[in-house]
Amino acid sequence: MRGASESASHWSPAWRATIFALASSSLGCLLVDFYGICPMRTFAGAIFVPAMVVLGGLAVFSHLEDNGELKRAVTIGAIGGLMAAVAYDLFRLPFVFAREWGIAGVIPALDLFKVFPAFGALLLGQPIQQVHYSLAAHYLGWAYHFSNGLTIGVMYLALIGAGARRHWSWAVLLAMGLEAGMLFTPYPRVFGIPVTLRFVVVTLTAHAVFGVCLGLCVKTLSRRFPE
């Protein structure tokens, strides 16, 4: 029930646009580096981390000042995004370990996790191509990967507004659209990824899995924890 608090709602289109912009700073880390605008390490420290602090602060503020609609949406989006990232990685495991598991004759072996330590290297200000990445680069790269999943979930809810009323397929469209767009950036060249038909089919399917999980999680959580 909103009642008198509706006028003080922090989930209006303007607030949603603000939340979307703050959450998109995670993906922005890579894009600004790709196009030579700003090193990823600098952007992460000056923009991305502060944006996440502001995002969390706004969620707490909305909980204290109105009906907590913004906090609820951010929380549901973040949980949905993290769960979708896990599903996304689980789908890719057979391709990554096809040789080790003896299934390379059935499933193509693709090094789909190779970019994660490279993410960490960029965040540490190290060379992107290394023979052996540090443990810190691996951990930081994986953390950044999951931050992307989390923030995409928040971006999704900011776009659709109401998770319980929107069809889950919108999340599939968002996930596949983002990946298709990334393929047209310097992303493949920077990380040495051959853009073959096989790779495109697998990565788009993986992002479809991400989208299905995100959409269904957001819808389920939105219905379970109504306003």
Protein backbone atom coordinates (compact mmCIF):
# COMPACT_ATOMS: atom_id res chain seq x y z
CA MET A 1 0.00 0.00 0.00
CA ARG A 2 1.41 3.37 -0.99
CA GLY A 3 -1.09 5.85 0.43
CA ALA A 4 0.33 9.27 1.19
CA SER A 5 3.86 8.10 0.45
CA GLU A 6 3.11 7.84 -3.29
CA SER A 7 4.00 11.51 -3.82
CA ALA A 8 7.39 10.85 -2.25
CA SER A 9 8.09 7.74 -4.33
CA HIS A 10 11.66 7.39 -5.50
CA TRP A 11 10.81 5.01 -8.34
CA SER A 12 9.58 7.62 -10.80
CA PRO A 13 10.94 7.69 -14.39
CA ALA A 14 13.52 10.32 -13.40
CA TRP A 15 14.74 8.27 -10.45
CA ARG A 16 14.81 5.11 -12.56
CA ALA A 17 16.94 6.90 -15.16
CA THR A 18 19.33 7.91 -12.38
CA ILE A 19 19.56 4.34 -11.08
CA PHE A 20 20.12 3.04 -14.61
CA ALA A 21 22.95 5.52 -15.17
CA LEU A 22 24.62 4.63 -11.87
CA ALA A 23 24.37 0.88 -12.53
CA SER A 24 25.62 1.19 -16.11
CA SER A 25 28.95 2.54 -14.81
CA SER A 26 30.03 -1.10 -14.36
CA LEU A 27 29.90 -1.80 -18.10
CA GLY A 28 31.20 1.71 -18.67
CA CYS A 29 34.52 0.70 -17.10
CA LEU A 30 35.33 -1.44 -20.12
CA LEU A 31 33.90 0.85 -22.77
CA VAL A 32 35.87 3.93 -21.76
CA ASP A 33 39.06 1.88 -21.80
CA PHE A 34 38.28 0.34 -25.20
CA TYR A 35 37.87 3.74 -26.82
CA GLY A 36 40.85 5.35 -25.12
CA ILE A 37 38.73 7.76 -23.09
CA CYS A 38 40.01 6.72 -19.69
CA PRO A 39 41.93 3.74 -18.27
CA MET A 40 39.64 1.17 -16.69
CA ARG A 41 41.50 1.41 -13.38
CA THR A 42 41.01 5.19 -13.20
CA PHE A 43 37.33 5.03 -14.19
CA ALA A 44 36.63 2.28 -11.66
CA GLY A 45 38.15 4.28 -8.82
CA ALA A 46 36.76 7.68 -9.79
CA ILE A 47 33.34 6.75 -11.22
CA PHE A 48 32.27 3.13 -10.79
CA VAL A 49 32.99 2.60 -7.09
CA PRO A 50 31.52 5.99 -6.07
CA ALA A 51 28.47 5.26 -8.24
CA MET A 52 27.89 1.99 -6.37
CA VAL A 53 28.21 3.84 -3.05
CA VAL A 54 25.66 6.42 -4.21
CA LEU A 55 23.36 3.65 -5.47
CA GLY A 56 23.46 1.92 -2.10
CA GLY A 57 22.96 5.24 -0.32
CA LEU A 58 19.90 6.06 -2.41
CA ALA A 59 18.42 2.65 -1.64
CA VAL A 60 18.86 3.23 2.09
CA PHE A 61 17.52 6.78 1.80
CA SER A 62 14.40 5.62 -0.03
CA HIS A 63 13.78 3.03 2.68
CA LEU A 64 13.88 5.74 5.32
CA GLU A 65 11.98 8.45 3.44
CA ASP A 66 9.17 6.69 1.56
CA ASN A 67 7.78 3.20 1.04
CA GLY A 68 11.18 1.77 0.12
CA GLU A 69 10.15 1.12 -3.49
CA LEU A 70 13.58 2.05 -4.84
CA LYS A 71 15.38 -0.13 -2.30
CA ARG A 72 13.10 -3.05 -3.11
CA ALA A 73 13.68 -2.67 -6.86
CA VAL A 74 17.46 -2.34 -6.52
CA THR A 75 17.62 -5.35 -4.18
CA ILE A 76 15.48 -7.55 -6.43
CA GLY A 77 17.41 -6.49 -9.53
CA ALA A 78 20.76 -7.15 -7.85
CA ILE A 79 19.72 -10.61 -6.62
CA GLY A 80 18.25 -11.50 -10.01
CA GLY A 81 21.38 -10.31 -11.78
CA LEU A 82 23.70 -12.33 -9.55
CA MET A 83 21.62 -15.49 -9.96
CA ALA A 84 21.55 -14.95 -13.72
CA ALA A 85 25.34 -14.56 -13.79
CA VAL A 86 25.70 -17.90 -11.99
CA ALA A 87 23.34 -19.59 -14.47
CA TYR A 88 25.26 -17.98 -17.33
CA ASP A 89 28.58 -19.39 -16.10
CA LEU A 90 27.14 -22.83 -15.39
CA PHE A 91 25.87 -22.98 -18.97
CA ARG A 92 29.37 -22.17 -20.25
CA LEU A 93 31.23 -24.70 -18.09
CA PRO A 94 30.90 -27.63 -20.56
CA PHE A 95 32.44 -25.51 -23.32
CA VAL A 96 35.31 -24.36 -21.08
CA PHE A 97 36.10 -27.89 -19.84
CA ALA A 98 35.11 -29.85 -22.94
CA ARG A 99 38.58 -31.39 -23.34
CA GLU A 100 39.05 -32.16 -19.65
CA TRP A 101 35.62 -33.78 -19.46
CA GLY A 102 36.15 -35.75 -22.69
CA ILE A 103 33.17 -34.20 -24.48
CA ALA A 104 35.05 -32.12 -27.06
CA GLY A 105 33.69 -34.35 -29.82
CA VAL A 106 30.17 -33.29 -28.89
CA ILE A 107 30.63 -29.76 -27.54
CA PRO A 108 33.22 -27.35 -28.95
CA ALA A 109 36.02 -26.41 -26.57
CA LEU A 110 35.99 -22.64 -26.09
CA ASP A 111 38.05 -20.60 -23.64
CA LEU A 112 35.10 -18.50 -22.51
CA PHE A 113 36.62 -17.56 -19.16
CA LYS A 114 39.87 -16.14 -20.57
CA VAL A 115 38.70 -12.54 -20.22
CA PHE A 116 38.24 -12.63 -16.45
CA PRO A 117 41.90 -12.34 -15.35
CA ALA A 118 42.34 -9.77 -18.13
CA PHE A 119 39.57 -7.69 -16.49
CA GLY A 120 41.50 -7.90 -13.24
CA ALA A 121 44.74 -6.91 -14.96
CA LEU A 122 43.09 -3.80 -16.41
CA LEU A 123 41.71 -2.87 -12.99
CA LEU A 124 45.18 -3.28 -11.50
CA GLY A 125 46.80 -1.21 -14.24
CA GLN A 126 48.72 -4.22 -15.57
CA PRO A 127 49.25 -5.36 -19.19
CA ILE A 128 46.11 -6.95 -20.55
CA GLN A 129 47.94 -9.89 -22.18
CA GLN A 130 50.02 -11.95 -19.76
CA VAL A 131 51.37 -15.49 -19.76
CA HIS A 132 50.50 -15.91 -16.09
CA TYR A 133 48.08 -13.60 -14.32
CA SER A 134 48.41 -12.89 -10.62
CA LEU A 135 45.94 -14.33 -8.13
CA ALA A 136 44.75 -10.78 -7.48
CA ALA A 137 43.96 -10.33 -11.19
CA HIS A 138 41.92 -13.55 -11.19
CA TYR A 139 39.92 -12.65 -8.08
CA LEU A 140 39.37 -9.05 -9.13
CA GLY A 141 38.38 -10.10 -12.64
CA TRP A 142 35.77 -12.54 -11.38
CA ALA A 143 34.45 -9.94 -8.92
CA TYR A 144 34.09 -7.48 -11.79
CA HIS A 145 32.31 -10.13 -13.87
CA PHE A 146 29.72 -10.63 -11.13
CA SER A 147 29.38 -6.87 -10.64
CA ASN A 148 28.30 -6.72 -14.27
CA GLY A 149 25.65 -9.37 -13.64
CA LEU A 150 24.41 -7.54 -10.55
CA THR A 151 24.25 -4.15 -12.23
CA ILE A 152 22.58 -5.49 -15.38
CA GLY A 153 19.86 -6.81 -13.10
CA VAL A 154 19.44 -3.35 -11.58
CA MET A 155 19.46 -1.76 -15.04
CA TYR A 156 16.77 -4.19 -16.15
CA LEU A 157 14.42 -3.27 -13.32
CA ALA A 158 15.12 0.42 -13.87
CA LEU A 159 14.07 -0.05 -17.51
CA ILE A 160 10.89 -2.06 -16.95
CA GLY A 161 9.78 -0.35 -13.74
CA ALA A 162 7.63 -3.16 -12.35
CA GLY A 163 9.02 -6.67 -12.30
CA ALA A 164 5.73 -8.38 -11.49
CA ARG A 165 3.87 -6.85 -14.45
CA ARG A 166 6.45 -7.19 -17.23
CA HIS A 167 7.06 -10.41 -19.18
CA TRP A 168 10.40 -12.10 -18.43
CA SER A 169 11.32 -12.12 -22.12
CA TRP A 170 12.26 -8.44 -21.88
CA ALA A 171 15.30 -9.54 -19.86
CA VAL A 172 16.31 -11.91 -22.67
CA LEU A 173 16.09 -9.05 -25.15
CA LEU A 174 18.24 -6.82 -22.91
CA ALA A 175 20.91 -9.48 -22.28
CA MET A 176 21.24 -10.52 -25.91
CA GLY A 177 21.12 -6.91 -27.07
CA LEU A 178 23.97 -5.95 -24.74
CA GLU A 179 26.12 -8.86 -25.91
CA ALA A 180 25.38 -8.23 -29.58
CA GLY A 181 26.35 -4.61 -29.05
CA MET A 182 29.60 -5.58 -27.31
CA LEU A 183 30.60 -7.67 -30.32
CA PHE A 184 30.63 -4.46 -32.37
CA THR A 185 32.95 -2.72 -29.90
CA PRO A 186 36.72 -3.36 -29.71
CA TYR A 187 35.95 -6.06 -27.07
CA PRO A 188 36.84 -9.10 -29.26
CA ARG A 189 40.03 -7.47 -30.59
CA VAL A 190 41.23 -6.26 -27.19
CA PHE A 191 40.86 -9.71 -25.60
CA GLY A 192 41.98 -11.69 -28.65
CA ILE A 193 38.64 -13.40 -29.23
CA PRO A 194 38.03 -14.79 -32.75
CA VAL A 195 34.47 -13.81 -33.70
CA THR A 196 33.52 -17.05 -35.41
CA LEU A 197 29.97 -18.24 -36.07
CA ARG A 198 30.45 -20.89 -33.39
CA PHE A 199 31.50 -18.31 -30.81
CA VAL A 200 28.63 -15.95 -31.69
CA VAL A 201 26.03 -18.73 -31.40
CA VAL A 202 27.39 -19.95 -28.05
CA THR A 203 27.78 -16.50 -26.49
CA LEU A 204 24.34 -15.30 -27.61
CA THR A 205 22.77 -18.53 -26.29
CA ALA A 206 24.61 -18.06 -22.98
CA HIS A 207 23.24 -14.53 -22.74
CA ALA A 208 19.76 -15.83 -23.55
CA VAL A 209 20.16 -18.16 -20.54
CA PHE A 210 21.24 -15.15 -18.48
CA GLY A 211 18.15 -13.25 -19.64
CA VAL A 212 15.71 -16.08 -18.93
CA CYS A 213 17.10 -16.52 -15.41
CA LEU A 214 17.10 -12.77 -14.76
CA GLY A 215 13.57 -12.28 -16.03
CA LEU A 216 12.10 -15.21 -14.11
CA CYS A 217 13.97 -14.37 -10.89
CA VAL A 218 12.85 -10.75 -11.01
CA LYS A 219 9.24 -11.71 -11.70
CA THR A 220 9.21 -14.34 -8.94
CA LEU A 221 10.81 -12.08 -6.35
CA SER A 222 8.60 -9.13 -7.31
CA ARG A 223 5.50 -11.23 -6.77
CA ARG A 224 6.78 -12.77 -3.55
CA PHE A 225 7.71 -9.41 -2.07
CA PRO A 226 5.03 -7.02 -3.33
CA GLU A 227 5.04 -3.28 -2.65
